[in-house]
Amino acid sequence: MAASLQLSAYHQMFGIYDYNSHPLAPVGTKAFVHERPEQRASFADHGKIVYVIGPAMHHYRHLEFYIPETRGLRKSDTYVFLPTKFEMPATAAADSLITAIT
């Protein structure tokens, strides 16, 4: 079988996808996007709750987000994902007591 038949259509058209320069995240993932000081008032919140749309292909390490407050889109490289489907592991009171003692 020829090597070109084993490649995906994307690979044949655009080359190998670089996950380091264009990170991927599941569409609809809730996230918190940082707003730079030029974009906000002095004592305003430092970010907004947004949802992932996909990678921003023309920007290095940026994702594109949907902002429900303004119904707008934003590309950003400063974000934190907020997991809603999975619980973050928490330490039990006994575990934190043992850690404090040691």
PDB file of N, CA and C in Angstrom:
ATOM      1  N   MET A   1       0.839  -1.175   0.000  1.00  0.00           N
ATOM      2  CA  MET A   1       0.000   0.000   0.000  1.00  0.00           C
ATOM      3  C   MET A   1       0.891   1.248   0.000  1.00  0.00           C
ATOM      4  N   ALA A   2       0.571   2.192  -0.805  1.00  0.00           N
ATOM      5  CA  ALA A   2       1.386   3.398  -0.932  1.00  0.00           C
ATOM      6  C   ALA A   2       1.266   4.249   0.329  1.00  0.00           C
ATOM      7  N   ALA A   3       2.328   4.977   0.644  1.00  0.00           N
ATOM      8  CA  ALA A   3       2.354   5.800   1.857  1.00  0.00           C
ATOM      9  C   ALA A   3       1.312   6.913   1.790  1.00  0.00           C
ATOM     10  N   SER A   4       1.039   7.448   0.619  1.00  0.00           N
ATOM     11  CA  SER A   4       0.078   8.543   0.512  1.00  0.00           C
ATOM     12  C   SER A   4      -1.343   8.081   0.815  1.00  0.00           C
ATOM     13  N   LEU A   5      -1.636   6.817   0.644  1.00  0.00           N
ATOM     14  CA  LEU A   5      -2.969   6.313   0.949  1.00  0.00           C
ATOM     15  C   LEU A   5      -3.180   6.139   2.444  1.00  0.00           C
ATOM     16  N   GLN A   6      -2.112   6.094   3.217  1.00  0.00           N
ATOM     17  CA  GLN A   6      -2.234   5.923   4.658  1.00  0.00           C
ATOM     18  C   GLN A   6      -2.314   7.253   5.404  1.00  0.00           C
ATOM     19  N   LEU A   7      -2.176   8.381   4.736  1.00  0.00           N
ATOM     20  CA  LEU A   7      -2.223   9.685   5.365  1.00  0.00           C
ATOM     21  C   LEU A   7      -3.649  10.210   5.396  1.00  0.00           C
ATOM     22  N   SER A   8      -3.962  11.030   6.397  1.00  0.00           N
ATOM     23  CA  SER A   8      -5.285  11.640   6.456  1.00  0.00           C
ATOM     24  C   SER A   8      -5.375  12.755   5.407  1.00  0.00           C
ATOM     25  N   ALA A   9      -6.575  13.172   5.124  1.00  0.00           N
ATOM     26  CA  ALA A   9      -6.786  14.247   4.151  1.00  0.00           C
ATOM     27  C   ALA A   9      -6.150  15.544   4.648  1.00  0.00           C
ATOM     28  N   TYR A  10      -6.276  15.829   5.961  1.00  0.00           N
ATOM     29  CA  TYR A  10      -5.677  17.041   6.519  1.00  0.00           C
ATOM     30  C   TYR A  10      -4.157  17.007   6.339  1.00  0.00           C
ATOM     31  N   HIS A  11      -3.557  15.864   6.617  1.00  0.00           N
ATOM     32  CA  HIS A  11      -2.104  15.726   6.502  1.00  0.00           C
ATOM     33  C   HIS A  11      -1.648  15.926   5.063  1.00  0.00           C
ATOM     34  N   GLN A  12      -2.401  15.413   4.109  1.00  0.00           N
ATOM     35  CA  GLN A  12      -2.027  15.571   2.707  1.00  0.00           C
ATOM     36  C   GLN A  12      -2.169  17.012   2.237  1.00  0.00           C
ATOM     37  N   MET A  13      -3.181  17.724   2.760  1.00  0.00           N
ATOM     38  CA  MET A  13      -3.422  19.100   2.314  1.00  0.00           C
ATOM     39  C   MET A  13      -2.530  20.118   3.029  1.00  0.00           C
ATOM     40  N   PHE A  14      -2.393  19.999   4.351  1.00  0.00           N
ATOM     41  CA  PHE A  14      -1.743  21.042   5.140  1.00  0.00           C
ATOM     42  C   PHE A  14      -0.460  20.600   5.841  1.00  0.00           C
ATOM     43  N   GLY A  15      -0.135  19.329   5.826  1.00  0.00           N
ATOM     44  CA  GLY A  15       1.044  18.846   6.529  1.00  0.00           C
ATOM     45  C   GLY A  15       0.684  18.352   7.921  1.00  0.00           C
ATOM     46  N   ILE A  16       1.703  18.038   8.704  1.00  0.00           N
ATOM     47  CA  ILE A  16       1.495  17.501  10.047  1.00  0.00           C
ATOM     48  C   ILE A  16       0.953  18.597  10.958  1.00  0.00           C
ATOM     49  N   TYR A  17      -0.086  18.270  11.731  1.00  0.00           N
ATOM     50  CA  TYR A  17      -0.682  19.226  12.670  1.00  0.00           C
ATOM     51  C   TYR A  17       0.240  19.392  13.866  1.00  0.00           C
ATOM     52  N   ASP A  18       0.551  20.637  14.227  1.00  0.00           N
ATOM     53  CA  ASP A  18       1.445  20.928  15.341  1.00  0.00           C
ATOM     54  C   ASP A  18       0.617  21.252  16.585  1.00  0.00           C
ATOM     55  N   TYR A  19       0.522  20.285  17.502  1.00  0.00           N
ATOM     56  CA  TYR A  19      -0.288  20.459  18.709  1.00  0.00           C
ATOM     57  C   TYR A  19       0.346  21.441  19.691  1.00  0.00           C
ATOM     58  N   ASN A  20       1.650  21.660  19.612  1.00  0.00           N
ATOM     59  CA  ASN A  20       2.297  22.628  20.501  1.00  0.00           C
ATOM     60  C   ASN A  20       1.939  24.061  20.134  1.00  0.00           C
ATOM     61  N   SER A  21       1.863  24.357  18.859  1.00  0.00           N
ATOM     62  CA  SER A  21       1.558  25.729  18.457  1.00  0.00           C
ATOM     63  C   SER A  21       0.060  25.997  18.372  1.00  0.00           C
ATOM     64  N   HIS A  22      -0.748  24.958  18.237  1.00  0.00           N
ATOM     65  CA  HIS A  22      -2.205  25.116  18.170  1.00  0.00           C
ATOM     66  C   HIS A  22      -2.849  24.073  19.075  1.00  0.00           C
ATOM     67  N   PRO A  23      -2.961  24.360  20.393  1.00  0.00           N
ATOM     68  CA  PRO A  23      -3.524  23.367  21.302  1.00  0.00           C
ATOM     69  C   PRO A  23      -4.995  23.104  21.003  1.00  0.00           C
ATOM     70  N   LEU A  24      -5.438  21.919  21.358  1.00  0.00           N
ATOM     71  CA  LEU A  24      -6.837  21.538  21.164  1.00  0.00           C
ATOM     72  C   LEU A  24      -7.511  21.363  22.515  1.00  0.00           C
ATOM     73  N   ALA A  25      -8.775  21.693  22.580  1.00  0.00           N
ATOM     74  CA  ALA A  25      -9.591  21.471  23.768  1.00  0.00           C
ATOM     75  C   ALA A  25     -10.987  21.097  23.278  1.00  0.00           C
ATOM     76  N   PRO A  26     -11.725  20.297  24.054  1.00  0.00           N
ATOM     77  CA  PRO A  26     -13.078  19.936  23.629  1.00  0.00           C
ATOM     78  C   PRO A  26     -13.966  21.169  23.489  1.00  0.00           C
ATOM     79  N   VAL A  27     -14.742  21.222  22.421  1.00  0.00           N
ATOM     80  CA  VAL A  27     -15.641  22.346  22.170  1.00  0.00           C
ATOM     81  C   VAL A  27     -16.670  22.406  23.293  1.00  0.00           C
ATOM     82  N   GLY A  28     -16.916  23.605  23.798  1.00  0.00           N
ATOM     83  CA  GLY A  28     -17.891  23.795  24.865  1.00  0.00           C
ATOM     84  C   GLY A  28     -17.317  23.702  26.257  1.00  0.00           C
ATOM     85  N   THR A  29     -16.013  23.489  26.385  1.00  0.00           N
ATOM     86  CA  THR A  29     -15.391  23.423  27.698  1.00  0.00           C
ATOM     87  C   THR A  29     -15.436  24.797  28.353  1.00  0.00           C
ATOM     88  N   LYS A  30     -15.871  24.834  29.596  1.00  0.00           N
ATOM     89  CA  LYS A  30     -15.943  26.096  30.330  1.00  0.00           C
ATOM     90  C   LYS A  30     -14.534  26.507  30.745  1.00  0.00           C
ATOM     91  N   ALA A  31     -14.231  27.787  30.604  1.00  0.00           N
ATOM     92  CA  ALA A  31     -12.896  28.280  30.921  1.00  0.00           C
ATOM     93  C   ALA A  31     -12.985  29.687  31.512  1.00  0.00           C
ATOM     94  N   PHE A  32     -11.891  30.140  32.076  1.00  0.00           N
ATOM     95  CA  PHE A  32     -11.751  31.489  32.612  1.00  0.00           C
ATOM     96  C   PHE A  32     -10.628  32.153  31.839  1.00  0.00           C
ATOM     97  N   VAL A  33     -10.943  33.239  31.136  1.00  0.00           N
ATOM     98  CA  VAL A  33      -9.960  33.945  30.310  1.00  0.00           C
ATOM     99  C   VAL A  33      -9.535  35.217  31.017  1.00  0.00           C
ATOM    100  N   HIS A  34      -8.234  35.404  31.134  1.00  0.00           N
ATOM    101  CA  HIS A  34      -7.662  36.587  31.777  1.00  0.00           C
ATOM    102  C   HIS A  34      -7.839  37.807  30.886  1.00  0.00           C
ATOM    103  N   GLU A  35      -8.231  38.908  31.507  1.00  0.00           N
ATOM    104  CA  GLU A  35      -8.299  40.187  30.794  1.00  0.00           C
ATOM    105  C   GLU A  35      -7.108  41.026  31.207  1.00  0.00           C
ATOM    106  N   ARG A  36      -6.403  41.542  30.250  1.00  0.00           N
ATOM    107  CA  ARG A  36      -5.218  42.347  30.529  1.00  0.00           C
ATOM    108  C   ARG A  36      -5.633  43.703  31.123  1.00  0.00           C
ATOM    109  N   PRO A  37      -4.739  44.352  31.849  1.00  0.00           N
ATOM    110  CA  PRO A  37      -5.089  45.616  32.501  1.00  0.00           C
ATOM    111  C   PRO A  37      -5.625  46.684  31.547  1.00  0.00           C
ATOM    112  N   GLU A  38      -5.177  46.665  30.289  1.00  0.00           N
ATOM    113  CA  GLU A  38      -5.680  47.655  29.327  1.00  0.00           C
ATOM    114  C   GLU A  38      -7.146  47.396  28.968  1.00  0.00           C
ATOM    115  N   GLN A  39      -7.624  46.173  29.182  1.00  0.00           N
ATOM    116  CA  GLN A  39      -8.983  45.792  28.777  1.00  0.00           C
ATOM    117  C   GLN A  39     -10.012  45.963  29.892  1.00  0.00           C
ATOM    118  N   ARG A  40      -9.593  46.267  31.119  1.00  0.00           N
ATOM    119  CA  ARG A  40     -10.517  46.300  32.240  1.00  0.00           C
ATOM    120  C   ARG A  40     -10.283  47.539  33.091  1.00  0.00           C
ATOM    121  N   ALA A  41     -11.260  47.823  33.967  1.00  0.00           N
ATOM    122  CA  ALA A  41     -11.138  48.939  34.901  1.00  0.00           C
ATOM    123  C   ALA A  41     -10.184  48.552  36.032  1.00  0.00           C
ATOM    124  N   SER A  42      -9.798  49.516  36.847  1.00  0.00           N
ATOM    125  CA  SER A  42      -8.796  49.288  37.882  1.00  0.00           C
ATOM    126  C   SER A  42      -9.153  48.161  38.848  1.00  0.00           C
ATOM    127  N   PHE A  43     -10.356  48.185  39.380  1.00  0.00           N
ATOM    128  CA  PHE A  43     -10.739  47.194  40.378  1.00  0.00           C
ATOM    129  C   PHE A  43     -11.759  46.198  39.838  1.00  0.00           C
ATOM    130  N   ALA A  44     -11.803  46.022  38.551  1.00  0.00           N
ATOM    131  CA  ALA A  44     -12.731  45.076  37.931  1.00  0.00           C
ATOM    132  C   ALA A  44     -12.190  43.658  38.054  1.00  0.00           C
ATOM    133  N   ASP A  45     -13.049  42.680  37.754  1.00  0.00           N
ATOM    134  CA  ASP A  45     -12.609  41.294  37.746  1.00  0.00           C
ATOM    135  C   ASP A  45     -11.483  41.126  36.730  1.00  0.00           C
ATOM    136  N   HIS A  46     -10.623  40.182  36.987  1.00  0.00           N
ATOM    137  CA  HIS A  46      -9.450  39.980  36.132  1.00  0.00           C
ATOM    138  C   HIS A  46      -9.714  39.007  34.993  1.00  0.00           C
ATOM    139  N   GLY A  47     -10.949  38.602  34.810  1.00  0.00           N
ATOM    140  CA  GLY A  47     -11.246  37.686  33.719  1.00  0.00           C
ATOM    141  C   GLY A  47     -12.732  37.469  33.548  1.00  0.00           C
ATOM    142  N   LYS A  48     -13.075  36.637  32.581  1.00  0.00           N
ATOM    143  CA  LYS A  48     -14.465  36.323  32.267  1.00  0.00           C
ATOM    144  C   LYS A  48     -14.622  34.821  32.106  1.00  0.00           C
ATOM    145  N   ILE A  49     -15.829  34.346  32.390  1.00  0.00           N
ATOM    146  CA  ILE A  49     -16.175  32.955  32.143  1.00  0.00           C
ATOM    147  C   ILE A  49     -16.545  32.840  30.668  1.00  0.00           C
ATOM    148  N   VAL A  50     -15.917  31.893  29.971  1.00  0.00           N
ATOM    149  CA  VAL A  50     -16.114  31.723  28.531  1.00  0.00           C
ATOM    150  C   VAL A  50     -16.212  30.236  28.202  1.00  0.00           C
ATOM    151  N   TYR A  51     -16.467  29.939  26.923  1.00  0.00           N
ATOM    152  CA  TYR A  51     -16.552  28.560  26.454  1.00  0.00           C
ATOM    153  C   TYR A  51     -15.670  28.398  25.218  1.00  0.00           C
ATOM    154  N   VAL A  52     -14.987  27.267  25.128  1.00  0.00           N
ATOM    155  CA  VAL A  52     -14.057  27.009  24.029  1.00  0.00           C
ATOM    156  C   VAL A  52     -14.811  26.759  22.733  1.00  0.00           C
ATOM    157  N   ILE A  53     -14.359  27.396  21.657  1.00  0.00           N
ATOM    158  CA  ILE A  53     -14.895  27.145  20.316  1.00  0.00           C
ATOM    159  C   ILE A  53     -13.922  26.281  19.523  1.00  0.00           C
ATOM    160  N   GLY A  54     -12.632  26.555  19.654  1.00  0.00           N
ATOM    161  CA  GLY A  54     -11.631  25.781  18.930  1.00  0.00           C
ATOM    162  C   GLY A  54     -10.304  26.508  18.903  1.00  0.00           C
ATOM    163  N   PRO A  55      -9.327  25.964  18.183  1.00  0.00           N
ATOM    164  CA  PRO A  55      -8.023  26.624  18.109  1.00  0.00           C
ATOM    165  C   PRO A  55      -8.076  27.847  17.197  1.00  0.00           C
ATOM    166  N   ALA A  56      -7.274  28.844  17.542  1.00  0.00           N
ATOM    167  CA  ALA A  56      -7.110  30.022  16.690  1.00  0.00           C
ATOM    168  C   ALA A  56      -5.917  29.725  15.786  1.00  0.00           C
ATOM    169  N   MET A  57      -6.186  29.325  14.574  1.00  0.00           N
ATOM    170  CA  MET A  57      -5.148  28.801  13.694  1.00  0.00           C
ATOM    171  C   MET A  57      -4.123  29.836  13.248  1.00  0.00           C
ATOM    172  N   HIS A  58      -4.441  31.127  13.302  1.00  0.00           N
ATOM    173  CA  HIS A  58      -3.501  32.150  12.851  1.00  0.00           C
ATOM    174  C   HIS A  58      -2.761  32.804  14.012  1.00  0.00           C
ATOM    175  N   HIS A  59      -2.894  32.244  15.215  1.00  0.00           N
ATOM    176  CA  HIS A  59      -2.223  32.777  16.398  1.00  0.00           C
ATOM    177  C   HIS A  59      -1.509  31.643  17.114  1.00  0.00           C
ATOM    178  N   TYR A  60      -0.325  31.925  17.650  1.00  0.00           N
ATOM    179  CA  TYR A  60       0.492  30.905  18.307  1.00  0.00           C
ATOM    180  C   TYR A  60      -0.037  30.617  19.705  1.00  0.00           C
ATOM    181  N   ARG A  61      -0.378  29.366  19.977  1.00  0.00           N
ATOM    182  CA  ARG A  61      -0.867  28.868  21.263  1.00  0.00           C
ATOM    183  C   ARG A  61      -2.094  29.598  21.779  1.00  0.00           C
ATOM    184  N   HIS A  62      -2.983  30.004  20.892  1.00  0.00           N
ATOM    185  CA  HIS A  62      -4.228  30.667  21.271  1.00  0.00           C
ATOM    186  C   HIS A  62      -5.397  29.729  21.013  1.00  0.00           C
ATOM    187  N   LEU A  63      -6.444  29.898  21.807  1.00  0.00           N
ATOM    188  CA  LEU A  63      -7.719  29.244  21.556  1.00  0.00           C
ATOM    189  C   LEU A  63      -8.751  30.334  21.312  1.00  0.00           C
ATOM    190  N   GLU A  64      -9.828  29.967  20.631  1.00  0.00           N
ATOM    191  CA  GLU A  64     -10.915  30.913  20.393  1.00  0.00           C
ATOM    192  C   GLU A  64     -12.042  30.587  21.361  1.00  0.00           C
ATOM    193  N   PHE A  65     -12.602  31.613  21.992  1.00  0.00           N
ATOM    194  CA  PHE A  65     -13.609  31.446  23.026  1.00  0.00           C
ATOM    195  C   PHE A  65     -14.872  32.237  22.687  1.00  0.00           C
ATOM    196  N   TYR A  66     -16.006  31.747  23.207  1.00  0.00           N
ATOM    197  CA  TYR A  66     -17.285  32.451  23.110  1.00  0.00           C
ATOM    198  C   TYR A  66     -17.578  33.062  24.473  1.00  0.00           C
ATOM    199  N   ILE A  67     -17.930  34.360  24.498  1.00  0.00           N
ATOM    200  CA  ILE A  67     -18.232  35.060  25.739  1.00  0.00           C
ATOM    201  C   ILE A  67     -19.749  35.247  25.816  1.00  0.00           C
ATOM    202  N   PRO A  68     -20.439  34.550  26.740  1.00  0.00           N
ATOM    203  CA  PRO A  68     -21.901  34.657  26.820  1.00  0.00           C
ATOM    204  C   PRO A  68     -22.385  36.060  27.190  1.00  0.00           C
ATOM    205  N   GLU A  69     -21.636  36.805  28.015  1.00  0.00           N
ATOM    206  CA  GLU A  69     -22.063  38.148  28.439  1.00  0.00           C
ATOM    207  C   GLU A  69     -22.258  39.083  27.252  1.00  0.00           C
ATOM    208  N   THR A  70     -21.312  39.064  26.333  1.00  0.00           N
ATOM    209  CA  THR A  70     -21.343  39.990  25.205  1.00  0.00           C
ATOM    210  C   THR A  70     -21.742  39.315  23.894  1.00  0.00           C
ATOM    211  N   ARG A  71     -21.878  37.979  23.932  1.00  0.00           N
ATOM    212  CA  ARG A  71     -22.148  37.176  22.734  1.00  0.00           C
ATOM    213  C   ARG A  71     -21.081  37.401  21.668  1.00  0.00           C
ATOM    214  N   GLY A  72     -19.878  37.605  22.117  1.00  0.00           N
ATOM    215  CA  GLY A  72     -18.765  37.849  21.201  1.00  0.00           C
ATOM    216  C   GLY A  72     -17.749  36.734  21.253  1.00  0.00           C
ATOM    217  N   LEU A  73     -16.742  36.849  20.404  1.00  0.00           N
ATOM    218  CA  LEU A  73     -15.650  35.886  20.338  1.00  0.00           C
ATOM    219  C   LEU A  73     -14.360  36.552  20.787  1.00  0.00           C
ATOM    220  N   ARG A  74     -13.475  35.760  21.361  1.00  0.00           N
ATOM    221  CA  ARG A  74     -12.173  36.275  21.768  1.00  0.00           C
ATOM    222  C   ARG A  74     -11.122  35.197  21.561  1.00  0.00           C
ATOM    223  N   LYS A  75      -9.955  35.617  21.118  1.00  0.00           N
ATOM    224  CA  LYS A  75      -8.798  34.727  21.014  1.00  0.00           C
ATOM    225  C   LYS A  75      -7.871  35.079  22.162  1.00  0.00           C
ATOM    226  N   SER A  76      -7.429  34.053  22.890  1.00  0.00           N
ATOM    227  CA  SER A  76      -6.571  34.321  24.031  1.00  0.00           C
ATOM    228  C   SER A  76      -5.594  33.173  24.251  1.00  0.00           C
ATOM    229  N   ASP A  77      -4.444  33.522  24.842  1.00  0.00           N
ATOM    230  CA  ASP A  77      -3.469  32.502  25.208  1.00  0.00           C
ATOM    231  C   ASP A  77      -3.359  32.364  26.718  1.00  0.00           C
ATOM    232  N   THR A  78      -4.120  33.167  27.472  1.00  0.00           N
ATOM    233  CA  THR A  78      -4.080  33.135  28.928  1.00  0.00           C
ATOM    234  C   THR A  78      -5.446  32.682  29.432  1.00  0.00           C
ATOM    235  N   TYR A  79      -5.552  31.387  29.740  1.00  0.00           N
ATOM    236  CA  TYR A  79      -6.837  30.812  30.136  1.00  0.00           C
ATOM    237  C   TYR A  79      -6.621  29.659  31.096  1.00  0.00           C
ATOM    238  N   VAL A  80      -7.690  29.325  31.828  1.00  0.00           N
ATOM    239  CA  VAL A  80      -7.698  28.182  32.737  1.00  0.00           C
ATOM    240  C   VAL A  80      -9.006  27.455  32.501  1.00  0.00           C
ATOM    241  N   PHE A  81      -8.940  26.141  32.327  1.00  0.00           N
ATOM    242  CA  PHE A  81     -10.151  25.360  32.139  1.00  0.00           C
ATOM    243  C   PHE A  81     -10.826  25.113  33.483  1.00  0.00           C
ATOM    244  N   LEU A  82     -12.153  25.212  33.497  1.00  0.00           N
ATOM    245  CA  LEU A  82     -12.939  24.959  34.701  1.00  0.00           C
ATOM    246  C   LEU A  82     -13.705  23.657  34.491  1.00  0.00           C
ATOM    247  N   PRO A  83     -13.244  22.566  35.084  1.00  0.00           N
ATOM    248  CA  PRO A  83     -13.926  21.286  34.849  1.00  0.00           C
ATOM    249  C   PRO A  83     -15.307  21.280  35.488  1.00  0.00           C
ATOM    250  N   THR A  84     -16.308  20.877  34.722  1.00  0.00           N
ATOM    251  CA  THR A  84     -17.669  20.812  35.245  1.00  0.00           C
ATOM    252  C   THR A  84     -18.175  19.379  35.316  1.00  0.00           C
ATOM    253  N   LYS A  85     -17.642  18.490  34.517  1.00  0.00           N
ATOM    254  CA  LYS A  85     -18.104  17.108  34.490  1.00  0.00           C
ATOM    255  C   LYS A  85     -17.407  16.232  35.520  1.00  0.00           C
ATOM    256  N   PHE A  86     -16.215  16.634  35.962  1.00  0.00           N
ATOM    257  CA  PHE A  86     -15.424  15.805  36.850  1.00  0.00           C
ATOM    258  C   PHE A  86     -15.095  16.578  38.114  1.00  0.00           C
ATOM    259  N   GLU A  87     -15.129  15.894  39.237  1.00  0.00           N
ATOM    260  CA  GLU A  87     -14.763  16.498  40.512  1.00  0.00           C
ATOM    261  C   GLU A  87     -13.246  16.552  40.620  1.00  0.00           C
ATOM    262  N   MET A  88     -12.740  17.650  41.107  1.00  0.00           N
ATOM    263  CA  MET A  88     -11.316  17.733  41.375  1.00  0.00           C
ATOM    264  C   MET A  88     -11.045  16.993  42.681  1.00  0.00           C
ATOM    265  N   PRO A  89      -9.984  16.200  42.755  1.00  0.00           N
ATOM    266  CA  PRO A  89      -9.717  15.468  43.987  1.00  0.00           C
ATOM    267  C   PRO A  89      -9.422  16.417  45.137  1.00  0.00           C
ATOM    268  N   ALA A  90     -10.057  16.167  46.246  1.00  0.00           N
ATOM    269  CA  ALA A  90      -9.868  17.002  47.427  1.00  0.00           C
ATOM    270  C   ALA A  90      -9.213  16.165  48.525  1.00  0.00           C
ATOM    271  N   THR A  91      -8.437  16.803  49.357  1.00  0.00           N
ATOM    272  CA  THR A  91      -7.818  16.076  50.452  1.00  0.00           C
ATOM    273  C   THR A  91      -8.793  16.010  51.619  1.00  0.00           C
ATOM    274  N   ALA A  92      -8.804  14.884  52.276  1.00  0.00           N
ATOM    275  CA  ALA A  92      -9.657  14.721  53.455  1.00  0.00           C
ATOM    276  C   ALA A  92      -9.061  15.513  54.606  1.00  0.00           C
ATOM    277  N   ALA A  93      -9.879  15.796  55.613  1.00  0.00           N
ATOM    278  CA  ALA A  93      -9.419  16.563  56.758  1.00  0.00           C
ATOM    279  C   ALA A  93      -8.268  15.840  57.470  1.00  0.00           C
ATOM    280  N   ALA A  94      -8.358  14.508  57.564  1.00  0.00           N
ATOM    281  CA  ALA A  94      -7.282  13.748  58.215  1.00  0.00           C
ATOM    282  C   ALA A  94      -5.984  13.849  57.429  1.00  0.00           C
ATOM    283  N   ASP A  95      -6.084  13.813  56.090  1.00  0.00           N
ATOM    284  CA  ASP A  95      -4.867  13.914  55.264  1.00  0.00           C
ATOM    285  C   ASP A  95      -4.198  15.285  55.425  1.00  0.00           C
ATOM    286  N   SER A  96      -4.981  16.349  55.438  1.00  0.00           N
ATOM    287  CA  SER A  96      -4.378  17.676  55.602  1.00  0.00           C
ATOM    288  C   SER A  96      -3.805  17.856  57.004  1.00  0.00           C
ATOM    289  N   LEU A  97      -4.400  17.193  58.019  1.00  0.00           N
ATOM    290  CA  LEU A  97      -3.860  17.244  59.373  1.00  0.00           C
ATOM    291  C   LEU A  97      -2.501  16.538  59.438  1.00  0.00           C
ATOM    292  N   ILE A  98      -2.414  15.354  58.795  1.00  0.00           N
ATOM    293  CA  ILE A  98      -1.152  14.601  58.777  1.00  0.00           C
ATOM    294  C   ILE A  98      -0.080  15.387  58.027  1.00  0.00           C
ATOM    295  N   THR A  99      -0.461  16.038  56.935  1.00  0.00           N
ATOM    296  CA  THR A  99       0.498  16.846  56.172  1.00  0.00           C
ATOM    297  C   THR A  99       0.990  18.022  57.011  1.00  0.00           C
ATOM    298  N   ALA A 100       0.093  18.660  57.770  1.00  0.00           N
ATOM    299  CA  ALA A 100       0.484  19.792  58.599  1.00  0.00           C
ATOM    300  C   ALA A 100       1.423  19.358  59.722  1.00  0.00           C
ATOM    301  N   ILE A 101       1.169  18.168  60.298  1.00  0.00           N
ATOM    302  CA  ILE A 101       2.000  17.677  61.399  1.00  0.00           C
ATOM    303  C   ILE A 101       3.404  17.354  60.916  1.00  0.00           C
ATOM    304  N   THR A 102       3.513  16.725  59.737  1.00  0.00           N
ATOM    305  CA  THR A 102       4.827  16.340  59.214  1.00  0.00           C
ATOM    306  C   THR A 102       5.526  17.569  58.674  1.00  0.00           C
TER     307      THR A 102
END
